[in-house]
Amino acid sequence: RTFAEGRDAITAEFGLPVFADVMSSFAAGERAVNRAWCAAADGYLNEAEACLVRSGKMLRDARQLLADQAK
């Protein structure tokens, strides 16, 4: 929630192109978490695990994009 509420600060500090890259990775990671939840609820545990792995990579990518800009 804190990250999402701070999206305007990302744009102000780093510009719209960085915001777009960060939020694209973040949103994709968030969707993968939601897909994992649905897959697990439907009993597709292998798919759920794969979605969580994919989500972790996407969220780490978003964080790294911000970290690279803060240097």
N, C-alpha and C. Protein backbone atom coordinates (compact mmCIF):
# COMPACT_ATOMS: atom_id res chain seq x y z
N ARG A 1 0.83 -1.19 0.00
CA ARG A 1 0.00 0.00 0.00
C ARG A 1 0.87 1.26 0.00
N THR A 2 1.90 1.26 0.81
CA THR A 2 2.80 2.42 0.89
C THR A 2 3.44 2.68 -0.47
N PHE A 3 3.86 1.61 -1.12
CA PHE A 3 4.47 1.75 -2.44
C PHE A 3 3.48 2.38 -3.43
N ALA A 4 2.27 1.85 -3.47
CA ALA A 4 1.27 2.37 -4.40
C ALA A 4 0.92 3.82 -4.10
N GLU A 5 0.85 4.17 -2.83
CA GLU A 5 0.53 5.56 -2.47
C GLU A 5 1.68 6.52 -2.79
N GLY A 6 2.88 5.98 -2.93
CA GLY A 6 4.03 6.82 -3.23
C GLY A 6 4.33 6.96 -4.71
N ARG A 7 3.43 6.51 -5.55
CA ARG A 7 3.71 6.53 -6.99
C ARG A 7 3.91 7.94 -7.54
N ASP A 8 3.24 8.92 -6.98
CA ASP A 8 3.44 10.30 -7.44
C ASP A 8 4.85 10.78 -7.12
N ALA A 9 5.39 10.32 -6.00
CA ALA A 9 6.75 10.70 -5.62
C ALA A 9 7.76 10.11 -6.59
N ILE A 10 7.50 8.91 -7.09
CA ILE A 10 8.40 8.29 -8.07
C ILE A 10 8.45 9.15 -9.33
N THR A 11 7.29 9.58 -9.80
CA THR A 11 7.23 10.42 -10.99
C THR A 11 7.95 11.74 -10.76
N ALA A 12 7.70 12.35 -9.62
CA ALA A 12 8.30 13.65 -9.32
C ALA A 12 9.82 13.56 -9.22
N GLU A 13 10.32 12.50 -8.61
CA GLU A 13 11.76 12.40 -8.40
C GLU A 13 12.52 11.86 -9.60
N PHE A 14 11.94 10.89 -10.31
CA PHE A 14 12.68 10.19 -11.35
C PHE A 14 12.13 10.38 -12.76
N GLY A 15 10.94 10.94 -12.88
CA GLY A 15 10.36 11.16 -14.20
C GLY A 15 9.40 10.07 -14.63
N LEU A 16 8.62 10.40 -15.63
CA LEU A 16 7.57 9.50 -16.12
C LEU A 16 8.11 8.21 -16.72
N PRO A 17 9.20 8.22 -17.49
CA PRO A 17 9.69 6.95 -18.05
C PRO A 17 10.08 5.94 -16.97
N VAL A 18 10.75 6.40 -15.91
CA VAL A 18 11.12 5.50 -14.81
C VAL A 18 9.86 5.01 -14.11
N PHE A 19 8.92 5.92 -13.86
CA PHE A 19 7.65 5.53 -13.24
C PHE A 19 6.98 4.43 -14.05
N ALA A 20 6.93 4.60 -15.37
CA ALA A 20 6.27 3.61 -16.23
C ALA A 20 6.97 2.25 -16.13
N ASP A 21 8.29 2.25 -16.14
CA ASP A 21 9.03 0.98 -16.04
C ASP A 21 8.80 0.31 -14.69
N VAL A 22 8.89 1.09 -13.62
CA VAL A 22 8.72 0.54 -12.28
C VAL A 22 7.30 0.00 -12.10
N MET A 23 6.32 0.79 -12.48
CA MET A 23 4.94 0.37 -12.28
C MET A 23 4.54 -0.80 -13.18
N SER A 24 5.14 -0.89 -14.36
CA SER A 24 4.86 -2.04 -15.23
C SER A 24 5.33 -3.33 -14.56
N SER A 25 6.55 -3.30 -14.02
CA SER A 25 7.05 -4.49 -13.32
C SER A 25 6.24 -4.78 -12.06
N PHE A 26 5.93 -3.73 -11.32
CA PHE A 26 5.16 -3.91 -10.08
C PHE A 26 3.77 -4.48 -10.37
N ALA A 27 3.09 -3.92 -11.36
CA ALA A 27 1.73 -4.38 -11.69
C ALA A 27 1.74 -5.82 -12.19
N ALA A 28 2.75 -6.17 -12.99
CA ALA A 28 2.85 -7.55 -13.47
C ALA A 28 3.09 -8.50 -12.30
N GLY A 29 3.93 -8.09 -11.35
CA GLY A 29 4.17 -8.91 -10.17
C GLY A 29 2.91 -9.08 -9.33
N GLU A 30 2.17 -7.99 -9.19
CA GLU A 30 0.92 -8.04 -8.43
C GLU A 30 -0.09 -8.98 -9.10
N ARG A 31 -0.19 -8.91 -10.42
CA ARG A 31 -1.10 -9.81 -11.14
C ARG A 31 -0.69 -11.26 -10.96
N ALA A 32 0.62 -11.52 -10.97
CA ALA A 32 1.10 -12.89 -10.78
C ALA A 32 0.77 -13.42 -9.39
N VAL A 33 0.84 -12.56 -8.37
CA VAL A 33 0.44 -12.97 -7.01
C VAL A 33 -1.05 -13.32 -7.01
N ASN A 34 -1.86 -12.49 -7.64
CA ASN A 34 -3.30 -12.77 -7.69
C ASN A 34 -3.58 -14.07 -8.44
N ARG A 35 -2.85 -14.31 -9.51
CA ARG A 35 -3.02 -15.55 -10.26
C ARG A 35 -2.61 -16.75 -9.42
N ALA A 36 -1.55 -16.60 -8.64
CA ALA A 36 -1.12 -17.69 -7.76
C ALA A 36 -2.21 -18.03 -6.76
N TRP A 37 -2.84 -17.01 -6.21
CA TRP A 37 -3.92 -17.22 -5.25
C TRP A 37 -5.06 -18.01 -5.91
N CYS A 38 -5.45 -17.60 -7.09
CA CYS A 38 -6.54 -18.28 -7.79
C CYS A 38 -6.16 -19.72 -8.14
N ALA A 39 -4.94 -19.92 -8.63
CA ALA A 39 -4.50 -21.26 -8.98
C ALA A 39 -4.48 -22.16 -7.76
N ALA A 40 -3.99 -21.65 -6.64
CA ALA A 40 -3.95 -22.44 -5.41
C ALA A 40 -5.37 -22.79 -4.95
N ALA A 41 -6.26 -21.82 -5.01
CA ALA A 41 -7.64 -22.06 -4.59
C ALA A 41 -8.31 -23.11 -5.47
N ASP A 42 -7.91 -23.17 -6.74
CA ASP A 42 -8.48 -24.15 -7.66
C ASP A 42 -7.75 -25.49 -7.64
N GLY A 43 -6.71 -25.59 -6.81
CA GLY A 43 -5.99 -26.84 -6.66
C GLY A 43 -4.83 -27.04 -7.62
N TYR A 44 -4.45 -26.01 -8.35
CA TYR A 44 -3.33 -26.09 -9.29
C TYR A 44 -2.06 -25.59 -8.61
N LEU A 45 -1.51 -26.41 -7.74
CA LEU A 45 -0.41 -25.98 -6.90
C LEU A 45 0.88 -25.72 -7.67
N ASN A 46 1.13 -26.50 -8.73
CA ASN A 46 2.33 -26.24 -9.54
C ASN A 46 2.24 -24.88 -10.22
N GLU A 47 1.08 -24.55 -10.73
CA GLU A 47 0.89 -23.24 -11.36
C GLU A 47 1.01 -22.13 -10.32
N ALA A 48 0.45 -22.36 -9.15
CA ALA A 48 0.54 -21.36 -8.09
C ALA A 48 1.99 -21.08 -7.73
N GLU A 49 2.76 -22.13 -7.59
CA GLU A 49 4.18 -21.95 -7.26
C GLU A 49 4.91 -21.21 -8.38
N ALA A 50 4.65 -21.58 -9.62
CA ALA A 50 5.30 -20.90 -10.75
C ALA A 50 4.94 -19.42 -10.78
N CYS A 51 3.69 -19.10 -10.48
CA CYS A 51 3.25 -17.70 -10.46
C CYS A 51 3.95 -16.93 -9.34
N LEU A 52 4.15 -17.56 -8.19
CA LEU A 52 4.85 -16.89 -7.10
C LEU A 52 6.31 -16.63 -7.44
N VAL A 53 6.94 -17.58 -8.10
CA VAL A 53 8.33 -17.39 -8.53
C VAL A 53 8.40 -16.23 -9.52
N ARG A 54 7.49 -16.22 -10.49
CA ARG A 54 7.45 -15.15 -11.50
C ARG A 54 7.18 -13.81 -10.83
N SER A 55 6.28 -13.80 -9.87
CA SER A 55 5.95 -12.57 -9.16
C SER A 55 7.15 -12.02 -8.41
N GLY A 56 7.88 -12.91 -7.74
CA GLY A 56 9.06 -12.47 -7.00
C GLY A 56 10.06 -11.79 -7.89
N LYS A 57 10.28 -12.34 -9.08
CA LYS A 57 11.22 -11.74 -10.02
C LYS A 57 10.74 -10.36 -10.46
N MET A 58 9.48 -10.25 -10.77
CA MET A 58 8.94 -8.97 -11.24
C MET A 58 8.99 -7.89 -10.16
N LEU A 59 8.68 -8.27 -8.94
CA LEU A 59 8.74 -7.30 -7.83
C LEU A 59 10.18 -6.92 -7.51
N ARG A 60 11.09 -7.87 -7.59
CA ARG A 60 12.51 -7.54 -7.40
C ARG A 60 12.99 -6.60 -8.51
N ASP A 61 12.53 -6.85 -9.73
CA ASP A 61 12.89 -5.96 -10.85
C ASP A 61 12.42 -4.53 -10.59
N ALA A 62 11.20 -4.38 -10.10
CA ALA A 62 10.67 -3.05 -9.80
C ALA A 62 11.52 -2.37 -8.73
N ARG A 63 11.86 -3.10 -7.71
CA ARG A 63 12.68 -2.54 -6.63
C ARG A 63 14.07 -2.16 -7.15
N GLN A 64 14.64 -3.01 -8.00
CA GLN A 64 15.96 -2.72 -8.54
C GLN A 64 15.94 -1.48 -9.45
N LEU A 65 14.90 -1.33 -10.22
CA LEU A 65 14.78 -0.12 -11.05
C LEU A 65 14.81 1.14 -10.20
N LEU A 66 14.11 1.11 -9.09
CA LEU A 66 14.13 2.27 -8.18
C LEU A 66 15.50 2.45 -7.55
N ALA A 67 16.10 1.35 -7.12
CA ALA A 67 17.41 1.43 -6.48
C ALA A 67 18.45 1.99 -7.44
N ASP A 68 18.37 1.58 -8.70
CA ASP A 68 19.32 2.08 -9.70
C ASP A 68 19.19 3.58 -9.89
N GLN A 69 17.98 4.09 -9.81
CA GLN A 69 17.75 5.52 -9.98
C GLN A 69 18.19 6.33 -8.77
N ALA A 70 18.13 5.71 -7.61
CA ALA A 70 18.46 6.43 -6.36
C ALA A 70 19.97 6.58 -6.17
N LYS A 71 20.76 5.90 -6.97
CA LYS A 71 22.23 5.98 -6.83
C LYS A 71 22.77 7.31 -7.28
